Amino acid sequence: MTKKKDDGPVCIPCASPSGCRVEAILGVDERGQMVLPKDVRERAGIQTGEKLALISCEKDGRVCCLALMKAGDLSGMVRGILGPLLGEKE
């Protein structure tokens, strides 16, 4: 039997150790809902009704990492990556 090659983690660790941390442990209710703590929402500038993008990373067919970011920031990030490929000027 051959051993499966492990390509390492899918998720990229933070460049700075002070940049990433566990903010809270969230519970999931029977409807699949979670509550982001108020202090985290305030520091992130998340307002009521704002849209968030849920980003997942997979390894070996299983989700290993979930992240949230403001949907507006996601579109800017995509535009920044794809813009030069599409010949857009900055």
PDB file of N, CA and C in Angstrom:
ATOM      1  N   MET A   1       0.846  -1.168   0.000  1.00  0.00           N
ATOM      2  CA  MET A   1       0.000   0.000   0.000  1.00  0.00           C
ATOM      3  C   MET A   1       0.898   1.240   0.000  1.00  0.00           C
ATOM      4  N   THR A   2       0.621   2.203  -0.883  1.00  0.00           N
ATOM      5  CA  THR A   2       1.423   3.428  -0.933  1.00  0.00           C
ATOM      6  C   THR A   2       0.828   4.481  -0.019  1.00  0.00           C
ATOM      7  N   LYS A   3       1.705   5.255   0.559  1.00  0.00           N
ATOM      8  CA  LYS A   3       1.268   6.309   1.472  1.00  0.00           C
ATOM      9  C   LYS A   3       0.903   7.550   0.671  1.00  0.00           C
ATOM     10  N   LYS A   4      -0.221   8.165   0.998  1.00  0.00           N
ATOM     11  CA  LYS A   4      -0.672   9.371   0.317  1.00  0.00           C
ATOM     12  C   LYS A   4       0.232  10.537   0.682  1.00  0.00           C
ATOM     13  N   LYS A   5       0.637  11.305  -0.326  1.00  0.00           N
ATOM     14  CA  LYS A   5       1.492  12.461  -0.100  1.00  0.00           C
ATOM     15  C   LYS A   5       0.701  13.566   0.592  1.00  0.00           C
ATOM     16  N   ASP A   6       1.276  14.148   1.639  1.00  0.00           N
ATOM     17  CA  ASP A   6       0.652  15.261   2.350  1.00  0.00           C
ATOM     18  C   ASP A   6       1.285  16.550   1.861  1.00  0.00           C
ATOM     19  N   ASP A   7       0.498  17.386   1.205  1.00  0.00           N
ATOM     20  CA  ASP A   7       1.001  18.646   0.673  1.00  0.00           C
ATOM     21  C   ASP A   7       0.995  19.749   1.709  1.00  0.00           C
ATOM     22  N   GLY A   8       0.734  19.435   2.968  1.00  0.00           N
ATOM     23  CA  GLY A   8       0.704  20.450   4.008  1.00  0.00           C
ATOM     24  C   GLY A   8      -0.660  21.099   4.105  1.00  0.00           C
ATOM     25  N   PRO A   9      -0.760  22.095   4.961  1.00  0.00           N
ATOM     26  CA  PRO A   9      -2.053  22.736   5.183  1.00  0.00           C
ATOM     27  C   PRO A   9      -2.517  23.547   3.974  1.00  0.00           C
ATOM     28  N   VAL A  10      -3.815  23.618   3.807  1.00  0.00           N
ATOM     29  CA  VAL A  10      -4.394  24.420   2.737  1.00  0.00           C
ATOM     30  C   VAL A  10      -4.418  25.886   3.156  1.00  0.00           C
ATOM     31  N   CYS A  11      -4.779  26.130   4.391  1.00  0.00           N
ATOM     32  CA  CYS A  11      -4.889  27.493   4.884  1.00  0.00           C
ATOM     33  C   CYS A  11      -3.506  28.102   5.052  1.00  0.00           C
ATOM     34  N   ILE A  12      -3.370  29.337   4.621  1.00  0.00           N
ATOM     35  CA  ILE A  12      -2.100  30.040   4.745  1.00  0.00           C
ATOM     36  C   ILE A  12      -2.068  30.737   6.095  1.00  0.00           C
ATOM     37  N   PRO A  13      -1.062  30.470   6.905  1.00  0.00           N
ATOM     38  CA  PRO A  13      -1.003  31.127   8.208  1.00  0.00           C
ATOM     39  C   PRO A  13      -0.760  32.622   8.062  1.00  0.00           C
ATOM     40  N   CYS A  14      -1.128  33.358   9.069  1.00  0.00           N
ATOM     41  CA  CYS A  14      -0.925  34.800   9.052  1.00  0.00           C
ATOM     42  C   CYS A  14       0.558  35.117   8.954  1.00  0.00           C
ATOM     43  N   ALA A  15       0.867  36.179   8.250  1.00  0.00           N
ATOM     44  CA  ALA A  15       2.254  36.596   8.095  1.00  0.00           C
ATOM     45  C   ALA A  15       2.838  37.070   9.422  1.00  0.00           C
ATOM     46  N   SER A  16       2.015  37.658  10.257  1.00  0.00           N
ATOM     47  CA  SER A  16       2.460  38.178  11.542  1.00  0.00           C
ATOM     48  C   SER A  16       1.765  37.419  12.659  1.00  0.00           C
ATOM     49  N   PRO A  17       2.518  36.922  13.652  1.00  0.00           N
ATOM     50  CA  PRO A  17       1.880  36.196  14.747  1.00  0.00           C
ATOM     51  C   PRO A  17       0.851  37.039  15.496  1.00  0.00           C
ATOM     52  N   SER A  18       1.034  38.354  15.509  1.00  0.00           N
ATOM     53  CA  SER A  18       0.075  39.208  16.214  1.00  0.00           C
ATOM     54  C   SER A  18      -1.168  39.483  15.370  1.00  0.00           C
ATOM     55  N   GLY A  19      -1.161  39.088  14.092  1.00  0.00           N
ATOM     56  CA  GLY A  19      -2.280  39.376  13.204  1.00  0.00           C
ATOM     57  C   GLY A  19      -3.442  38.407  13.316  1.00  0.00           C
ATOM     58  N   CYS A  20      -3.198  37.188  13.717  1.00  0.00           N
ATOM     59  CA  CYS A  20      -4.249  36.181  13.822  1.00  0.00           C
ATOM     60  C   CYS A  20      -4.421  35.755  15.269  1.00  0.00           C
ATOM     61  N   ARG A  21      -5.677  35.599  15.667  1.00  0.00           N
ATOM     62  CA  ARG A  21      -5.955  35.108  17.014  1.00  0.00           C
ATOM     63  C   ARG A  21      -7.375  34.563  17.060  1.00  0.00           C
ATOM     64  N   VAL A  22      -7.633  33.737  18.043  1.00  0.00           N
ATOM     65  CA  VAL A  22      -8.986  33.251  18.271  1.00  0.00           C
ATOM     66  C   VAL A  22      -9.737  34.382  18.963  1.00  0.00           C
ATOM     67  N   GLU A  23     -10.773  34.885  18.321  1.00  0.00           N
ATOM     68  CA  GLU A  23     -11.555  35.996  18.870  1.00  0.00           C
ATOM     69  C   GLU A  23     -12.629  35.512  19.828  1.00  0.00           C
ATOM     70  N   ALA A  24     -13.238  34.387  19.503  1.00  0.00           N
ATOM     71  CA  ALA A  24     -14.336  33.871  20.314  1.00  0.00           C
ATOM     72  C   ALA A  24     -14.630  32.442  19.882  1.00  0.00           C
ATOM     73  N   ILE A  25     -15.288  31.710  20.743  1.00  0.00           N
ATOM     74  CA  ILE A  25     -15.818  30.399  20.400  1.00  0.00           C
ATOM     75  C   ILE A  25     -17.319  30.602  20.209  1.00  0.00           C
ATOM     76  N   LEU A  26     -17.800  30.297  19.007  1.00  0.00           N
ATOM     77  CA  LEU A  26     -19.202  30.538  18.670  1.00  0.00           C
ATOM     78  C   LEU A  26     -19.997  29.248  18.702  1.00  0.00           C
ATOM     79  N   GLY A  27     -21.205  29.330  19.201  1.00  0.00           N
ATOM     80  CA  GLY A  27     -22.130  28.210  19.155  1.00  0.00           C
ATOM     81  C   GLY A  27     -23.012  28.323  17.921  1.00  0.00           C
ATOM     82  N   VAL A  28     -23.499  27.212  17.455  1.00  0.00           N
ATOM     83  CA  VAL A  28     -24.413  27.183  16.312  1.00  0.00           C
ATOM     84  C   VAL A  28     -25.747  26.658  16.814  1.00  0.00           C
ATOM     85  N   ASP A  29     -26.830  27.439  16.586  1.00  0.00           N
ATOM     86  CA  ASP A  29     -28.139  26.995  17.068  1.00  0.00           C
ATOM     87  C   ASP A  29     -28.784  26.029  16.080  1.00  0.00           C
ATOM     88  N   GLU A  30     -29.981  25.556  16.418  1.00  0.00           N
ATOM     89  CA  GLU A  30     -30.658  24.557  15.585  1.00  0.00           C
ATOM     90  C   GLU A  30     -30.987  25.059  14.187  1.00  0.00           C
ATOM     91  N   ARG A  31     -31.007  26.374  13.988  1.00  0.00           N
ATOM     92  CA  ARG A  31     -31.253  26.941  12.655  1.00  0.00           C
ATOM     93  C   ARG A  31     -29.954  27.243  11.910  1.00  0.00           C
ATOM     94  N   GLY A  32     -28.809  26.900  12.520  1.00  0.00           N
ATOM     95  CA  GLY A  32     -27.519  27.124  11.870  1.00  0.00           C
ATOM     96  C   GLY A  32     -26.989  28.532  12.046  1.00  0.00           C
ATOM     97  N   GLN A  33     -27.564  29.288  12.962  1.00  0.00           N
ATOM     98  CA  GLN A  33     -27.157  30.674  13.157  1.00  0.00           C
ATOM     99  C   GLN A  33     -26.102  30.792  14.256  1.00  0.00           C
ATOM    100  N   MET A  34     -25.238  31.796  14.083  1.00  0.00           N
ATOM    101  CA  MET A  34     -24.196  32.120  15.057  1.00  0.00           C
ATOM    102  C   MET A  34     -24.283  33.607  15.362  1.00  0.00           C
ATOM    103  N   VAL A  35     -23.734  34.005  16.481  1.00  0.00           N
ATOM    104  CA  VAL A  35     -23.701  35.416  16.860  1.00  0.00           C
ATOM    105  C   VAL A  35     -22.244  35.842  16.963  1.00  0.00           C
ATOM    106  N   LEU A  36     -21.885  36.901  16.220  1.00  0.00           N
ATOM    107  CA  LEU A  36     -20.555  37.489  16.356  1.00  0.00           C
ATOM    108  C   LEU A  36     -20.580  38.419  17.563  1.00  0.00           C
ATOM    109  N   PRO A  37     -19.628  38.303  18.471  1.00  0.00           N
ATOM    110  CA  PRO A  37     -19.626  39.166  19.653  1.00  0.00           C
ATOM    111  C   PRO A  37     -19.590  40.653  19.273  1.00  0.00           C
ATOM    112  N   LYS A  38     -20.264  41.465  20.079  1.00  0.00           N
ATOM    113  CA  LYS A  38     -20.391  42.893  19.808  1.00  0.00           C
ATOM    114  C   LYS A  38     -19.036  43.568  19.664  1.00  0.00           C
ATOM    115  N   ASP A  39     -18.081  43.264  20.550  1.00  0.00           N
ATOM    116  CA  ASP A  39     -16.779  43.934  20.464  1.00  0.00           C
ATOM    117  C   ASP A  39     -16.051  43.591  19.162  1.00  0.00           C
ATOM    118  N   VAL A  40     -16.220  42.383  18.660  1.00  0.00           N
ATOM    119  CA  VAL A  40     -15.604  42.002  17.386  1.00  0.00           C
ATOM    120  C   VAL A  40     -16.275  42.753  16.244  1.00  0.00           C
ATOM    121  N   ARG A  41     -17.616  42.808  16.266  1.00  0.00           N
ATOM    122  CA  ARG A  41     -18.345  43.557  15.224  1.00  0.00           C
ATOM    123  C   ARG A  41     -17.914  45.018  15.212  1.00  0.00           C
ATOM    124  N   GLU A  42     -17.794  45.605  16.394  1.00  0.00           N
ATOM    125  CA  GLU A  42     -17.404  47.016  16.471  1.00  0.00           C
ATOM    126  C   GLU A  42     -15.994  47.236  15.925  1.00  0.00           C
ATOM    127  N   ARG A  43     -15.042  46.396  16.335  1.00  0.00           N
ATOM    128  CA  ARG A  43     -13.660  46.556  15.858  1.00  0.00           C
ATOM    129  C   ARG A  43     -13.556  46.338  14.351  1.00  0.00           C
ATOM    130  N   ALA A  44     -14.393  45.445  13.812  1.00  0.00           N
ATOM    131  CA  ALA A  44     -14.379  45.158  12.376  1.00  0.00           C
ATOM    132  C   ALA A  44     -15.234  46.144  11.583  1.00  0.00           C
ATOM    133  N   GLY A  45     -15.987  46.989  12.283  1.00  0.00           N
ATOM    134  CA  GLY A  45     -16.852  47.946  11.594  1.00  0.00           C
ATOM    135  C   GLY A  45     -18.018  47.293  10.880  1.00  0.00           C
ATOM    136  N   ILE A  46     -18.504  46.190  11.422  1.00  0.00           N
ATOM    137  CA  ILE A  46     -19.633  45.467  10.815  1.00  0.00           C
ATOM    138  C   ILE A  46     -20.930  46.065  11.347  1.00  0.00           C
ATOM    139  N   GLN A  47     -21.748  46.555  10.432  1.00  0.00           N
ATOM    140  CA  GLN A  47     -23.018  47.189  10.773  1.00  0.00           C
ATOM    141  C   GLN A  47     -24.184  46.224  10.545  1.00  0.00           C
ATOM    142  N   THR A  48     -25.301  46.467  11.211  1.00  0.00           N
ATOM    143  CA  THR A  48     -26.511  45.677  11.014  1.00  0.00           C
ATOM    144  C   THR A  48     -26.892  45.681   9.536  1.00  0.00           C
ATOM    145  N   GLY A  49     -27.198  44.521   8.988  1.00  0.00           N
ATOM    146  CA  GLY A  49     -27.615  44.405   7.591  1.00  0.00           C
ATOM    147  C   GLY A  49     -26.471  44.290   6.604  1.00  0.00           C
ATOM    148  N   GLU A  50     -25.243  44.465   7.057  1.00  0.00           N
ATOM    149  CA  GLU A  50     -24.088  44.381   6.157  1.00  0.00           C
ATOM    150  C   GLU A  50     -23.896  42.937   5.684  1.00  0.00           C
ATOM    151  N   LYS A  51     -23.433  42.767   4.457  1.00  0.00           N
ATOM    152  CA  LYS A  51     -23.206  41.441   3.883  1.00  0.00           C
ATOM    153  C   LYS A  51     -21.776  40.999   4.166  1.00  0.00           C
ATOM    154  N   LEU A  52     -21.637  39.726   4.566  1.00  0.00           N
ATOM    155  CA  LEU A  52     -20.332  39.129   4.798  1.00  0.00           C
ATOM    156  C   LEU A  52     -20.152  37.952   3.846  1.00  0.00           C
ATOM    157  N   ALA A  53     -18.933  37.760   3.377  1.00  0.00           N
ATOM    158  CA  ALA A  53     -18.603  36.615   2.531  1.00  0.00           C
ATOM    159  C   ALA A  53     -18.008  35.532   3.426  1.00  0.00           C
ATOM    160  N   LEU A  54     -18.492  34.307   3.280  1.00  0.00           N
ATOM    161  CA  LEU A  54     -17.951  33.163   4.000  1.00  0.00           C
ATOM    162  C   LEU A  54     -16.993  32.446   3.053  1.00  0.00           C
ATOM    163  N   ILE A  55     -15.738  32.350   3.457  1.00  0.00           N
ATOM    164  CA  ILE A  55     -14.709  31.741   2.629  1.00  0.00           C
ATOM    165  C   ILE A  55     -14.287  30.437   3.291  1.00  0.00           C
ATOM    166  N   SER A  56     -14.223  29.360   2.525  1.00  0.00           N
ATOM    167  CA  SER A  56     -13.804  28.075   3.086  1.00  0.00           C
ATOM    168  C   SER A  56     -12.593  27.554   2.339  1.00  0.00           C
ATOM    169  N   CYS A  57     -11.755  26.821   3.052  1.00  0.00           N
ATOM    170  CA  CYS A  57     -10.606  26.128   2.462  1.00  0.00           C
ATOM    171  C   CYS A  57     -10.823  24.642   2.704  1.00  0.00           C
ATOM    172  N   GLU A  58     -10.465  23.845   1.715  1.00  0.00           N
ATOM    173  CA  GLU A  58     -10.631  22.400   1.832  1.00  0.00           C
ATOM    174  C   GLU A  58      -9.294  21.691   1.759  1.00  0.00           C
ATOM    175  N   LYS A  59      -9.234  20.591   2.461  1.00  0.00           N
ATOM    176  CA  LYS A  59      -8.082  19.696   2.383  1.00  0.00           C
ATOM    177  C   LYS A  59      -8.629  18.285   2.431  1.00  0.00           C
ATOM    178  N   ASP A  60      -8.214  17.462   1.506  1.00  0.00           N
ATOM    179  CA  ASP A  60      -8.663  16.070   1.423  1.00  0.00           C
ATOM    180  C   ASP A  60     -10.182  15.974   1.369  1.00  0.00           C
ATOM    181  N   GLY A  61     -10.838  16.895   0.636  1.00  0.00           N
ATOM    182  CA  GLY A  61     -12.283  16.875   0.463  1.00  0.00           C
ATOM    183  C   GLY A  61     -13.078  17.320   1.667  1.00  0.00           C
ATOM    184  N   ARG A  62     -12.421  17.882   2.668  1.00  0.00           N
ATOM    185  CA  ARG A  62     -13.080  18.302   3.903  1.00  0.00           C
ATOM    186  C   ARG A  62     -12.760  19.758   4.193  1.00  0.00           C
ATOM    187  N   VAL A  63     -13.748  20.541   4.586  1.00  0.00           N
ATOM    188  CA  VAL A  63     -13.507  21.932   4.933  1.00  0.00           C
ATOM    189  C   VAL A  63     -12.665  21.964   6.209  1.00  0.00           C
ATOM    190  N   CYS A  64     -11.537  22.665   6.141  1.00  0.00           N
ATOM    191  CA  CYS A  64     -10.635  22.725   7.295  1.00  0.00           C
ATOM    192  C   CYS A  64     -10.550  24.129   7.885  1.00  0.00           C
ATOM    193  N   CYS A  65     -11.032  25.127   7.162  1.00  0.00           N
ATOM    194  CA  CYS A  65     -10.899  26.501   7.629  1.00  0.00           C
ATOM    195  C   CYS A  65     -12.055  27.337   7.081  1.00  0.00           C
ATOM    196  N   LEU A  66     -12.639  28.171   7.931  1.00  0.00           N
ATOM    197  CA  LEU A  66     -13.683  29.110   7.528  1.00  0.00           C
ATOM    198  C   LEU A  66     -13.238  30.511   7.922  1.00  0.00           C
ATOM    199  N   ALA A  67     -13.527  31.481   7.069  1.00  0.00           N
ATOM    200  CA  ALA A  67     -13.193  32.877   7.364  1.00  0.00           C
ATOM    201  C   ALA A  67     -14.335  33.760   6.884  1.00  0.00           C
ATOM    202  N   LEU A  68     -14.516  34.890   7.534  1.00  0.00           N
ATOM    203  CA  LEU A  68     -15.517  35.877   7.137  1.00  0.00           C
ATOM    204  C   LEU A  68     -14.804  37.157   6.722  1.00  0.00           C
ATOM    205  N   MET A  69     -15.313  37.814   5.705  1.00  0.00           N
ATOM    206  CA  MET A  69     -14.841  39.143   5.355  1.00  0.00           C
ATOM    207  C   MET A  69     -15.999  39.937   4.771  1.00  0.00           C
ATOM    208  N   LYS A  70     -15.906  41.242   4.865  1.00  0.00           N
ATOM    209  CA  LYS A  70     -16.965  42.083   4.310  1.00  0.00           C
ATOM    210  C   LYS A  70     -17.055  41.842   2.813  1.00  0.00           C
ATOM    211  N   ALA A  71     -18.277  41.713   2.316  1.00  0.00           N
ATOM    212  CA  ALA A  71     -18.481  41.422   0.897  1.00  0.00           C
ATOM    213  C   ALA A  71     -17.877  42.519   0.026  1.00  0.00           C
ATOM    214  N   GLY A  72     -17.955  43.756   0.465  1.00  0.00           N
ATOM    215  CA  GLY A  72     -17.368  44.865  -0.297  1.00  0.00           C
ATOM    216  C   GLY A  72     -15.862  44.735  -0.425  1.00  0.00           C
ATOM    217  N   ASP A  73     -15.204  44.251   0.621  1.00  0.00           N
ATOM    218  CA  ASP A  73     -13.758  44.046   0.573  1.00  0.00           C
ATOM    219  C   ASP A  73     -13.399  42.900  -0.363  1.00  0.00           C
ATOM    220  N   LEU A  74     -14.255  41.908  -0.418  1.00  0.00           N
ATOM    221  CA  LEU A  74     -14.018  40.766  -1.304  1.00  0.00           C
ATOM    222  C   LEU A  74     -14.046  41.212  -2.757  1.00  0.00           C
ATOM    223  N   SER A  75     -15.031  42.027  -3.121  1.00  0.00           N
ATOM    224  CA  SER A  75     -15.111  42.465  -4.515  1.00  0.00           C
ATOM    225  C   SER A  75     -13.900  43.316  -4.872  1.00  0.00           C
ATOM    226  N   GLY A  76     -13.408  44.130  -3.943  1.00  0.00           N
ATOM    227  CA  GLY A  76     -12.210  44.921  -4.196  1.00  0.00           C
ATOM    228  C   GLY A  76     -10.989  44.038  -4.377  1.00  0.00           C
ATOM    229  N   MET A  77     -10.909  42.975  -3.587  1.00  0.00           N
ATOM    230  CA  MET A  77      -9.795  42.039  -3.679  1.00  0.00           C
ATOM    231  C   MET A  77      -9.813  41.315  -5.025  1.00  0.00           C
ATOM    232  N   VAL A  78     -10.990  40.870  -5.439  1.00  0.00           N
ATOM    233  CA  VAL A  78     -11.126  40.177  -6.725  1.00  0.00           C
ATOM    234  C   VAL A  78     -10.773  41.132  -7.864  1.00  0.00           C
ATOM    235  N   ARG A  79     -11.257  42.364  -7.769  1.00  0.00           N
ATOM    236  CA  ARG A  79     -10.962  43.362  -8.793  1.00  0.00           C
ATOM    237  C   ARG A  79      -9.452  43.622  -8.863  1.00  0.00           C
ATOM    238  N   GLY A  80      -8.797  43.674  -7.692  1.00  0.00           N
ATOM    239  CA  GLY A  80      -7.350  43.894  -7.650  1.00  0.00           C
ATOM    240  C   GLY A  80      -6.563  42.769  -8.290  1.00  0.00           C
ATOM    241  N   ILE A  81      -7.072  41.557  -8.169  1.00  0.00           N
ATOM    242  CA  ILE A  81      -6.387  40.390  -8.756  1.00  0.00           C
ATOM    243  C   ILE A  81      -6.692  40.271 -10.243  1.00  0.00           C
ATOM    244  N   LEU A  82      -7.970  40.390 -10.598  1.00  0.00           N
ATOM    245  CA  LEU A  82      -8.378  40.176 -11.991  1.00  0.00           C
ATOM    246  C   LEU A  82      -8.182  41.403 -12.868  1.00  0.00           C
ATOM    247  N   GLY A  83      -8.217  42.593 -12.281  1.00  0.00           N
ATOM    248  CA  GLY A  83      -8.087  43.825 -13.063  1.00  0.00           C
ATOM    249  C   GLY A  83      -6.875  43.842 -13.974  1.00  0.00           C
ATOM    250  N   PRO A  84      -5.679  43.621 -13.427  1.00  0.00           N
ATOM    251  CA  PRO A  84      -4.506  43.621 -14.301  1.00  0.00           C
ATOM    252  C   PRO A  84      -4.553  42.549 -15.392  1.00  0.00           C
ATOM    253  N   LEU A  85      -5.163  41.407 -15.066  1.00  0.00           N
ATOM    254  CA  LEU A  85      -5.280  40.351 -16.066  1.00  0.00           C
ATOM    255  C   LEU A  85      -6.213  40.755 -17.198  1.00  0.00           C
ATOM    256  N   LEU A  86      -7.189  41.610 -16.867  1.00  0.00           N
ATOM    257  CA  LEU A  86      -8.152  42.062 -17.868  1.00  0.00           C
ATOM    258  C   LEU A  86      -7.729  43.376 -18.512  1.00  0.00           C
ATOM    259  N   GLY A  87      -6.538  43.858 -18.166  1.00  0.00           N
ATOM    260  CA  GLY A  87      -6.017  45.075 -18.774  1.00  0.00           C
ATOM    261  C   GLY A  87      -6.554  46.357 -18.169  1.00  0.00           C
ATOM    262  N   GLU A  88      -7.154  46.288 -16.972  1.00  0.00           N
ATOM    263  CA  GLU A  88      -7.658  47.486 -16.311  1.00  0.00           C
ATOM    264  C   GLU A  88      -6.483  48.269 -15.744  1.00  0.00           C
ATOM    265  N   LYS A  89      -6.602  49.595 -15.780  1.00  0.00           N
ATOM    266  CA  LYS A  89      -5.584  50.458 -15.205  1.00  0.00           C
ATOM    267  C   LYS A  89      -5.974  50.763 -13.779  1.00  0.00           C
ATOM    268  N   GLU A  90      -4.957  50.931 -12.903  1.00  0.00           N
ATOM    269  CA  GLU A  90      -5.227  51.225 -11.489  1.00  0.00           C
ATOM    270  C   GLU A  90      -5.607  52.664 -11.297  1.00  0.00           C
TER     271      GLU A  90
END
